[in-house]
Amino acid sequence: SSLKPRDTAVYYCKGTSYRGPRVYEYWGQGT
């Protein structure tokens, strides 16, 4: 809400899972 011109960008969704010493990151394609 109350969007500003400087908000212009590609927005990506990210999911993160932690499994022992590993960090798994999942990314969407962006919008």
PDB file of all heavy atoms in Angstrom:
ATOM      1  N   SER A   1       0.840  -1.188   0.000  1.00  0.00           N
ATOM      2  CA  SER A   1       0.000   0.000   0.000  1.00  0.00           C
ATOM      3  C   SER A   1       0.876   1.240   0.000  1.00  0.00           C
ATOM      4  O   SER A   1       2.062   1.180   0.295  1.00  0.00           O
ATOM      5  CB  SER A   1      -0.933   0.000   1.221  1.00  0.00           C
ATOM      6  OG  SER A   1      -1.774  -1.129   1.234  1.00  0.00           O
ATOM      7  N   SER A   2       0.250   2.375  -0.313  1.00  0.00           N
ATOM      8  CA  SER A   2       0.970   3.652  -0.368  1.00  0.00           C
ATOM      9  C   SER A   2       2.242   3.524  -1.190  1.00  0.00           C
ATOM     10  O   SER A   2       3.327   3.954  -0.778  1.00  0.00           O
ATOM     11  CB  SER A   2       1.280   4.153   1.041  1.00  0.00           C
ATOM     12  OG  SER A   2       0.096   4.318   1.800  1.00  0.00           O
ATOM     13  N   LEU A   3       2.107   2.938  -2.362  1.00  0.00           N
ATOM     14  CA  LEU A   3       3.269   2.660  -3.202  1.00  0.00           C
ATOM     15  C   LEU A   3       3.970   3.939  -3.637  1.00  0.00           C
ATOM     16  O   LEU A   3       3.331   4.976  -3.863  1.00  0.00           O
ATOM     17  CB  LEU A   3       2.852   1.852  -4.420  1.00  0.00           C
ATOM     18  CG  LEU A   3       2.564   0.370  -4.149  1.00  0.00           C
ATOM     19  CD1 LEU A   3       1.783  -0.245  -5.298  1.00  0.00           C
ATOM     20  CD2 LEU A   3       3.873  -0.387  -3.934  1.00  0.00           C
ATOM     21  N   LYS A   4       5.283   3.824  -3.754  1.00  0.00           N
ATOM     22  CA  LYS A   4       6.136   4.922  -4.180  1.00  0.00           C
ATOM     23  C   LYS A   4       6.923   4.498  -5.412  1.00  0.00           C
ATOM     24  O   LYS A   4       7.198   3.316  -5.596  1.00  0.00           O
ATOM     25  CB  LYS A   4       7.108   5.305  -3.063  1.00  0.00           C
ATOM     26  CG  LYS A   4       6.434   5.699  -1.757  1.00  0.00           C
ATOM     27  CD  LYS A   4       7.463   5.957  -0.666  1.00  0.00           C
ATOM     28  CE  LYS A   4       6.786   6.357   0.631  1.00  0.00           C
ATOM     29  NZ  LYS A   4       7.776   6.609   1.713  1.00  0.00           N
ATOM     30  N   PRO A   5       7.310   5.447  -6.270  1.00  0.00           N
ATOM     31  CA  PRO A   5       8.100   5.082  -7.451  1.00  0.00           C
ATOM     32  C   PRO A   5       9.358   4.283  -7.110  1.00  0.00           C
ATOM     33  O   PRO A   5       9.751   3.402  -7.879  1.00  0.00           O
ATOM     34  CB  PRO A   5       8.444   6.440  -8.074  1.00  0.00           C
ATOM     35  CG  PRO A   5       7.282   7.304  -7.701  1.00  0.00           C
ATOM     36  CD  PRO A   5       6.909   6.873  -6.305  1.00  0.00           C
ATOM     37  N   ARG A   6       9.981   4.549  -5.973  1.00  0.00           N
ATOM     38  CA  ARG A   6      11.186   3.818  -5.595  1.00  0.00           C
ATOM     39  C   ARG A   6      10.919   2.381  -5.177  1.00  0.00           C
ATOM     40  O   ARG A   6      11.856   1.622  -4.962  1.00  0.00           O
ATOM     41  CB  ARG A   6      11.958   4.549  -4.493  1.00  0.00           C
ATOM     42  CG  ARG A   6      11.186   4.834  -3.222  1.00  0.00           C
ATOM     43  CD  ARG A   6      12.101   5.568  -2.232  1.00  0.00           C
ATOM     44  NE  ARG A   6      11.374   6.100  -1.099  1.00  0.00           N
ATOM     45  CZ  ARG A   6      10.829   7.308  -1.054  1.00  0.00           C
ATOM     46  NH1 ARG A   6      10.927   8.115  -2.089  1.00  0.00           N
ATOM     47  NH2 ARG A   6      10.190   7.711   0.036  1.00  0.00           N
ATOM     48  N   ASP A   7       9.655   1.987  -5.069  1.00  0.00           N
ATOM     49  CA  ASP A   7       9.315   0.588  -4.845  1.00  0.00           C
ATOM     50  C   ASP A   7       9.453  -0.232  -6.123  1.00  0.00           C
ATOM     51  O   ASP A   7       9.387  -1.465  -6.069  1.00  0.00           O
ATOM     52  CB  ASP A   7       7.882   0.452  -4.320  1.00  0.00           C
ATOM     53  CG  ASP A   7       7.689   1.069  -2.947  1.00  0.00           C
ATOM     54  OD1 ASP A   7       8.615   0.976  -2.110  1.00  0.00           O
ATOM     55  OD2 ASP A   7       6.608   1.635  -2.708  1.00  0.00           O
ATOM     56  N   THR A   8       9.624   0.430  -7.255  1.00  0.00           N
ATOM     57  CA  THR A   8       9.741  -0.261  -8.530  1.00  0.00           C
ATOM     58  C   THR A   8      10.922  -1.231  -8.508  1.00  0.00           C
ATOM     59  O   THR A   8      12.055  -0.844  -8.236  1.00  0.00           O
ATOM     60  CB  THR A   8       9.912   0.741  -9.675  1.00  0.00           C
ATOM     61  OG1 THR A   8       8.731   1.541  -9.779  1.00  0.00           O
ATOM     62  CG2 THR A   8      10.144   0.023 -10.995  1.00  0.00           C
ATOM     63  N   ALA A   9      10.643  -2.502  -8.794  1.00  0.00           N
ATOM     64  CA  ALA A   9      11.656  -3.551  -8.756  1.00  0.00           C
ATOM     65  C   ALA A   9      11.009  -4.864  -9.154  1.00  0.00           C
ATOM     66  O   ALA A   9       9.789  -4.949  -9.284  1.00  0.00           O
ATOM     67  CB  ALA A   9      12.271  -3.673  -7.354  1.00  0.00           C
ATOM     68  N   VAL A  10      11.843  -5.880  -9.329  1.00  0.00           N
ATOM     69  CA  VAL A  10      11.346  -7.237  -9.433  1.00  0.00           C
ATOM     70  C   VAL A  10      11.263  -7.807  -8.023  1.00  0.00           C
ATOM     71  O   VAL A  10      12.224  -7.716  -7.257  1.00  0.00           O
ATOM     72  CB  VAL A  10      12.243  -8.117 -10.316  1.00  0.00           C
ATOM     73  CG1 VAL A  10      11.723  -9.549 -10.359  1.00  0.00           C
ATOM     74  CG2 VAL A  10      12.323  -7.543 -11.723  1.00  0.00           C
ATOM     75  N   TYR A  11      10.132  -8.373  -7.683  1.00  0.00           N
ATOM     76  CA  TYR A  11       9.920  -8.936  -6.358  1.00  0.00           C
ATOM     77  C   TYR A  11       9.949 -10.460  -6.425  1.00  0.00           C
ATOM     78  O   TYR A  11       9.272 -11.070  -7.256  1.00  0.00           O
ATOM     79  CB  TYR A  11       8.594  -8.449  -5.774  1.00  0.00           C
ATOM     80  CG  TYR A  11       8.674  -7.020  -5.308  1.00  0.00           C
ATOM     81  CD1 TYR A  11       8.671  -5.974  -6.226  1.00  0.00           C
ATOM     82  CD2 TYR A  11       8.791  -6.707  -3.952  1.00  0.00           C
ATOM     83  CE1 TYR A  11       8.784  -4.660  -5.805  1.00  0.00           C
ATOM     84  CE2 TYR A  11       8.895  -5.397  -3.526  1.00  0.00           C
ATOM     85  CZ  TYR A  11       8.895  -4.377  -4.461  1.00  0.00           C
ATOM     86  OH  TYR A  11       9.002  -3.072  -4.036  1.00  0.00           O
ATOM     87  N   TYR A  12      10.749 -11.049  -5.539  1.00  0.00           N
ATOM     88  CA  TYR A  12      10.947 -12.487  -5.501  1.00  0.00           C
ATOM     89  C   TYR A  12      10.469 -13.067  -4.185  1.00  0.00           C
ATOM     90  O   TYR A  12      10.689 -12.478  -3.128  1.00  0.00           O
ATOM     91  CB  TYR A  12      12.430 -12.839  -5.661  1.00  0.00           C
ATOM     92  CG  TYR A  12      13.038 -12.430  -6.983  1.00  0.00           C
ATOM     93  CD1 TYR A  12      13.597 -11.177  -7.156  1.00  0.00           C
ATOM     94  CD2 TYR A  12      13.052 -13.324  -8.054  1.00  0.00           C
ATOM     95  CE1 TYR A  12      14.159 -10.806  -8.359  1.00  0.00           C
ATOM     96  CE2 TYR A  12      13.614 -12.961  -9.261  1.00  0.00           C
ATOM     97  CZ  TYR A  12      14.167 -11.701  -9.410  1.00  0.00           C
ATOM     98  OH  TYR A  12      14.736 -11.339 -10.607  1.00  0.00           O
ATOM     99  N   CYS A  13       9.852 -14.222  -4.268  1.00  0.00           N
ATOM    100  CA  CYS A  13       9.458 -14.970  -3.091  1.00  0.00           C
ATOM    101  C   CYS A  13      10.578 -15.929  -2.714  1.00  0.00           C
ATOM    102  O   CYS A  13      11.212 -16.530  -3.589  1.00  0.00           O
ATOM    103  CB  CYS A  13       8.168 -15.745  -3.383  1.00  0.00           C
ATOM    104  SG  CYS A  13       7.528 -16.721  -2.006  1.00  0.00           S
ATOM    105  N   LYS A  14      10.832 -16.073  -1.430  1.00  0.00           N
ATOM    106  CA  LYS A  14      11.891 -16.954  -0.940  1.00  0.00           C
ATOM    107  C   LYS A  14      11.388 -17.809   0.212  1.00  0.00           C
ATOM    108  O   LYS A  14      10.725 -17.317   1.114  1.00  0.00           O
ATOM    109  CB  LYS A  14      13.088 -16.130  -0.474  1.00  0.00           C
ATOM    110  CG  LYS A  14      14.233 -16.960   0.115  1.00  0.00           C
ATOM    111  CD  LYS A  14      15.296 -16.064   0.711  1.00  0.00           C
ATOM    112  CE  LYS A  14      16.404 -16.860   1.365  1.00  0.00           C
ATOM    113  NZ  LYS A  14      17.403 -15.985   2.017  1.00  0.00           N
ATOM    114  N   GLY A  15      11.734 -19.085   0.159  1.00  0.00           N
ATOM    115  CA  GLY A  15      11.487 -19.984   1.266  1.00  0.00           C
ATOM    116  C   GLY A  15      12.799 -20.525   1.787  1.00  0.00           C
ATOM    117  O   GLY A  15      13.713 -20.797   1.007  1.00  0.00           O
ATOM    118  N   THR A  16      12.906 -20.677   3.098  1.00  0.00           N
ATOM    119  CA  THR A  16      14.143 -21.143   3.713  1.00  0.00           C
ATOM    120  C   THR A  16      13.863 -22.294   4.661  1.00  0.00           C
ATOM    121  O   THR A  16      12.946 -22.215   5.481  1.00  0.00           O
ATOM    122  CB  THR A  16      14.839 -20.018   4.496  1.00  0.00           C
ATOM    123  OG1 THR A  16      15.052 -18.894   3.641  1.00  0.00           O
ATOM    124  CG2 THR A  16      16.187 -20.487   5.035  1.00  0.00           C
ATOM    125  N   SER A  17      14.666 -23.348   4.538  1.00  0.00           N
ATOM    126  CA  SER A  17      14.598 -24.481   5.446  1.00  0.00           C
ATOM    127  C   SER A  17      15.977 -24.762   6.006  1.00  0.00           C
ATOM    128  O   SER A  17      16.978 -24.664   5.297  1.00  0.00           O
ATOM    129  CB  SER A  17      14.082 -25.735   4.737  1.00  0.00           C
ATOM    130  OG  SER A  17      12.731 -25.587   4.337  1.00  0.00           O
ATOM    131  N   TYR A  18      16.022 -25.110   7.273  1.00  0.00           N
ATOM    132  CA  TYR A  18      17.273 -25.450   7.938  1.00  0.00           C
ATOM    133  C   TYR A  18      17.253 -26.933   8.281  1.00  0.00           C
ATOM    134  O   TYR A  18      16.358 -27.397   8.978  1.00  0.00           O
ATOM    135  CB  TYR A  18      17.459 -24.619   9.201  1.00  0.00           C
ATOM    136  CG  TYR A  18      17.459 -23.134   8.952  1.00  0.00           C
ATOM    137  CD1 TYR A  18      16.284 -22.396   9.053  1.00  0.00           C
ATOM    138  CD2 TYR A  18      18.625 -22.464   8.603  1.00  0.00           C
ATOM    139  CE1 TYR A  18      16.275 -21.040   8.807  1.00  0.00           C
ATOM    140  CE2 TYR A  18      18.628 -21.111   8.361  1.00  0.00           C
ATOM    141  CZ  TYR A  18      17.449 -20.395   8.460  1.00  0.00           C
ATOM    142  OH  TYR A  18      17.444 -19.043   8.227  1.00  0.00           O
ATOM    143  N   ARG A  19      18.251 -27.660   7.784  1.00  0.00           N
ATOM    144  CA  ARG A  19      18.368 -29.096   8.019  1.00  0.00           C
ATOM    145  C   ARG A  19      19.798 -29.399   8.434  1.00  0.00           C
ATOM    146  O   ARG A  19      20.693 -29.479   7.586  1.00  0.00           O
ATOM    147  CB  ARG A  19      17.980 -29.885   6.776  1.00  0.00           C
ATOM    148  CG  ARG A  19      16.614 -29.509   6.205  1.00  0.00           C
ATOM    149  CD  ARG A  19      16.387 -30.160   4.860  1.00  0.00           C
ATOM    150  NE  ARG A  19      15.295 -29.537   4.141  1.00  0.00           N
ATOM    151  CZ  ARG A  19      15.023 -29.740   2.867  1.00  0.00           C
ATOM    152  NH1 ARG A  19      15.769 -30.577   2.153  1.00  0.00           N
ATOM    153  NH2 ARG A  19      14.003 -29.120   2.296  1.00  0.00           N
ATOM    154  N   GLY A  20      20.007 -29.577   9.734  1.00  0.00           N
ATOM    155  CA  GLY A  20      21.348 -29.786  10.242  1.00  0.00           C
ATOM    156  C   GLY A  20      22.228 -28.600   9.892  1.00  0.00           C
ATOM    157  O   GLY A  20      21.845 -27.450  10.112  1.00  0.00           O
ATOM    158  N   PRO A  21      23.410 -28.864   9.301  1.00  0.00           N
ATOM    159  CA  PRO A  21      24.310 -27.754   8.952  1.00  0.00           C
ATOM    160  C   PRO A  21      23.961 -27.087   7.624  1.00  0.00           C
ATOM    161  O   PRO A  21      24.600 -26.093   7.250  1.00  0.00           O
ATOM    162  CB  PRO A  21      25.674 -28.445   8.846  1.00  0.00           C
ATOM    163  CG  PRO A  21      25.345 -29.824   8.377  1.00  0.00           C
ATOM    164  CD  PRO A  21      24.037 -30.161   9.050  1.00  0.00           C
ATOM    165  N   ARG A  22      22.956 -27.601   6.915  1.00  0.00           N
ATOM    166  CA  ARG A  22      22.619 -27.086   5.602  1.00  0.00           C
ATOM    167  C   ARG A  22      21.467 -26.095   5.656  1.00  0.00           C
ATOM    168  O   ARG A  22      20.531 -26.242   6.446  1.00  0.00           O
ATOM    169  CB  ARG A  22      22.240 -28.226   4.652  1.00  0.00           C
ATOM    170  CG  ARG A  22      23.356 -29.219   4.373  1.00  0.00           C
ATOM    171  CD  ARG A  22      24.469 -28.592   3.528  1.00  0.00           C
ATOM    172  NE  ARG A  22      23.965 -28.048   2.284  1.00  0.00           N
ATOM    173  CZ  ARG A  22      23.786 -28.750   1.163  1.00  0.00           C
ATOM    174  NH1 ARG A  22      24.087 -30.044   1.134  1.00  0.00           N
ATOM    175  NH2 ARG A  22      23.331 -28.159   0.078  1.00  0.00           N
ATOM    176  N   VAL A  23      21.561 -25.086   4.804  1.00  0.00           N
ATOM    177  CA  VAL A  23      20.497 -24.120   4.619  1.00  0.00           C
ATOM    178  C   VAL A  23      19.989 -24.251   3.198  1.00  0.00           C
ATOM    179  O   VAL A  23      20.763 -24.145   2.243  1.00  0.00           O
ATOM    180  CB  VAL A  23      20.973 -22.683   4.880  1.00  0.00           C
ATOM    181  CG1 VAL A  23      19.837 -21.704   4.656  1.00  0.00           C
ATOM    182  CG2 VAL A  23      21.534 -22.552   6.280  1.00  0.00           C
ATOM    183  N   TYR A  24      18.711 -24.479   3.056  1.00  0.00           N
ATOM    184  CA  TYR A  24      18.106 -24.631   1.743  1.00  0.00           C
ATOM    185  C   TYR A  24      17.260 -23.405   1.441  1.00  0.00           C
ATOM    186  O   TYR A  24      16.386 -23.039   2.223  1.00  0.00           O
ATOM    187  CB  TYR A  24      17.249 -25.888   1.678  1.00  0.00           C
ATOM    188  CG  TYR A  24      18.045 -27.163   1.793  1.00  0.00           C
ATOM    189  CD1 TYR A  24      18.358 -27.694   3.035  1.00  0.00           C
ATOM    190  CD2 TYR A  24      18.489 -27.837   0.658  1.00  0.00           C
ATOM    191  CE1 TYR A  24      19.098 -28.855   3.145  1.00  0.00           C
ATOM    192  CE2 TYR A  24      19.222 -28.998   0.760  1.00  0.00           C
ATOM    193  CZ  TYR A  24      19.529 -29.508   2.011  1.00  0.00           C
ATOM    194  OH  TYR A  24      20.262 -30.662   2.115  1.00  0.00           O
ATOM    195  N   GLU A  25      17.532 -22.776   0.308  1.00  0.00           N
ATOM    196  CA  GLU A  25      16.810 -21.589  -0.118  1.00  0.00           C
ATOM    197  C   GLU A  25      16.099 -21.870  -1.437  1.00  0.00           C
ATOM    198  O   GLU A  25      16.699 -22.363  -2.383  1.00  0.00           O
ATOM    199  CB  GLU A  25      17.747 -20.398  -0.274  1.00  0.00           C
ATOM    200  CG  GLU A  25      18.419 -19.986   1.030  1.00  0.00           C
ATOM    201  CD  GLU A  25      19.317 -18.782   0.868  1.00  0.00           C
ATOM    202  OE1 GLU A  25      19.626 -18.421  -0.290  1.00  0.00           O
ATOM    203  OE2 GLU A  25      19.710 -18.202   1.891  1.00  0.00           O
ATOM    204  N   TYR A  26      14.833 -21.530  -1.478  1.00  0.00           N
ATOM    205  CA  TYR A  26      14.019 -21.717  -2.678  1.00  0.00           C
ATOM    206  C   TYR A  26      13.532 -20.356  -3.151  1.00  0.00           C
ATOM    207  O   TYR A  26      13.048 -19.550  -2.350  1.00  0.00           O
ATOM    208  CB  TYR A  26      12.829 -22.636  -2.381  1.00  0.00           C
ATOM    209  CG  TYR A  26      13.220 -23.952  -1.770  1.00  0.00           C
ATOM    210  CD1 TYR A  26      13.228 -24.127  -0.394  1.00  0.00           C
ATOM    211  CD2 TYR A  26      13.599 -25.025  -2.571  1.00  0.00           C
ATOM    212  CE1 TYR A  26      13.597 -25.333   0.175  1.00  0.00           C
ATOM    213  CE2 TYR A  26      13.968 -26.237  -2.009  1.00  0.00           C
ATOM    214  CZ  TYR A  26      13.970 -26.385  -0.641  1.00  0.00           C
ATOM    215  OH  TYR A  26      14.340 -27.586  -0.084  1.00  0.00           O
ATOM    216  N   TRP A  27      13.661 -20.114  -4.441  1.00  0.00           N
ATOM    217  CA  TRP A  27      13.305 -18.821  -5.022  1.00  0.00           C
ATOM    218  C   TRP A  27      12.273 -18.976  -6.120  1.00  0.00           C
ATOM    219  O   TRP A  27      12.314 -19.921  -6.910  1.00  0.00           O
ATOM    220  CB  TRP A  27      14.531 -18.131  -5.614  1.00  0.00           C
ATOM    221  CG  TRP A  27      15.547 -17.696  -4.605  1.00  0.00           C
ATOM    222  CD1 TRP A  27      16.613 -18.404  -4.153  1.00  0.00           C
ATOM    223  CD2 TRP A  27      15.588 -16.433  -3.933  1.00  0.00           C
ATOM    224  NE1 TRP A  27      17.322 -17.665  -3.240  1.00  0.00           N
ATOM    225  CE2 TRP A  27      16.720 -16.455  -3.084  1.00  0.00           C
ATOM    226  CE3 TRP A  27      14.790 -15.294  -3.967  1.00  0.00           C
ATOM    227  CZ2 TRP A  27      17.069 -15.371  -2.272  1.00  0.00           C
ATOM    228  CZ3 TRP A  27      15.127 -14.219  -3.164  1.00  0.00           C
ATOM    229  CH2 TRP A  27      16.260 -14.267  -2.332  1.00  0.00           C
ATOM    230  N   GLY A  28      11.366 -18.023  -6.178  1.00  0.00           N
ATOM    231  CA  GLY A  28      10.445 -17.941  -7.293  1.00  0.00           C
ATOM    232  C   GLY A  28      11.085 -17.228  -8.466  1.00  0.00           C
ATOM    233  O   GLY A  28      12.242 -16.796  -8.415  1.00  0.00           O
ATOM    234  N   GLN A  29      10.333 -17.098  -9.548  1.00  0.00           N
ATOM    235  CA  GLN A  29      10.872 -16.504 -10.771  1.00  0.00           C
ATOM    236  C   GLN A  29      10.831 -14.982 -10.768  1.00  0.00           C
ATOM    237  O   GLN A  29      11.466 -14.339 -11.605  1.00  0.00           O
ATOM    238  CB  GLN A  29      10.102 -17.038 -11.994  1.00  0.00           C
ATOM    239  CG  GLN A  29       8.803 -16.300 -12.333  1.00  0.00           C
ATOM    240  CD  GLN A  29       7.668 -16.572 -11.360  1.00  0.00           C
ATOM    241  OE1 GLN A  29       7.754 -17.449 -10.501  1.00  0.00           O
ATOM    242  NE2 GLN A  29       6.592 -15.815 -11.503  1.00  0.00           N
ATOM    243  N   GLY A  30      10.089 -14.402  -9.862  1.00  0.00           N
ATOM    244  CA  GLY A  30       9.985 -12.964  -9.752  1.00  0.00           C
ATOM    245  C   GLY A  30       8.784 -12.404 -10.479  1.00  0.00           C
ATOM    246  O   GLY A  30       8.308 -12.965 -11.463  1.00  0.00           O
ATOM    247  N   THR A  31       8.295 -11.287  -9.987  1.00  0.00           N
ATOM    248  CA  THR A  31       7.209 -10.571 -10.633  1.00  0.00           C
ATOM    249  C   THR A  31       7.524  -9.080 -10.604  1.00  0.00           C
ATOM    250  O   THR A  31       7.973  -8.543  -9.590  1.00  0.00           O
ATOM    251  CB  THR A  31       5.847 -10.873  -9.964  1.00  0.00           C
ATOM    252  OG1 THR A  31       4.791 -10.246 -10.694  1.00  0.00           O
ATOM    253  CG2 THR A  31       5.810 -10.404  -8.513  1.00  0.00           C
TER     254      THR A  31
END
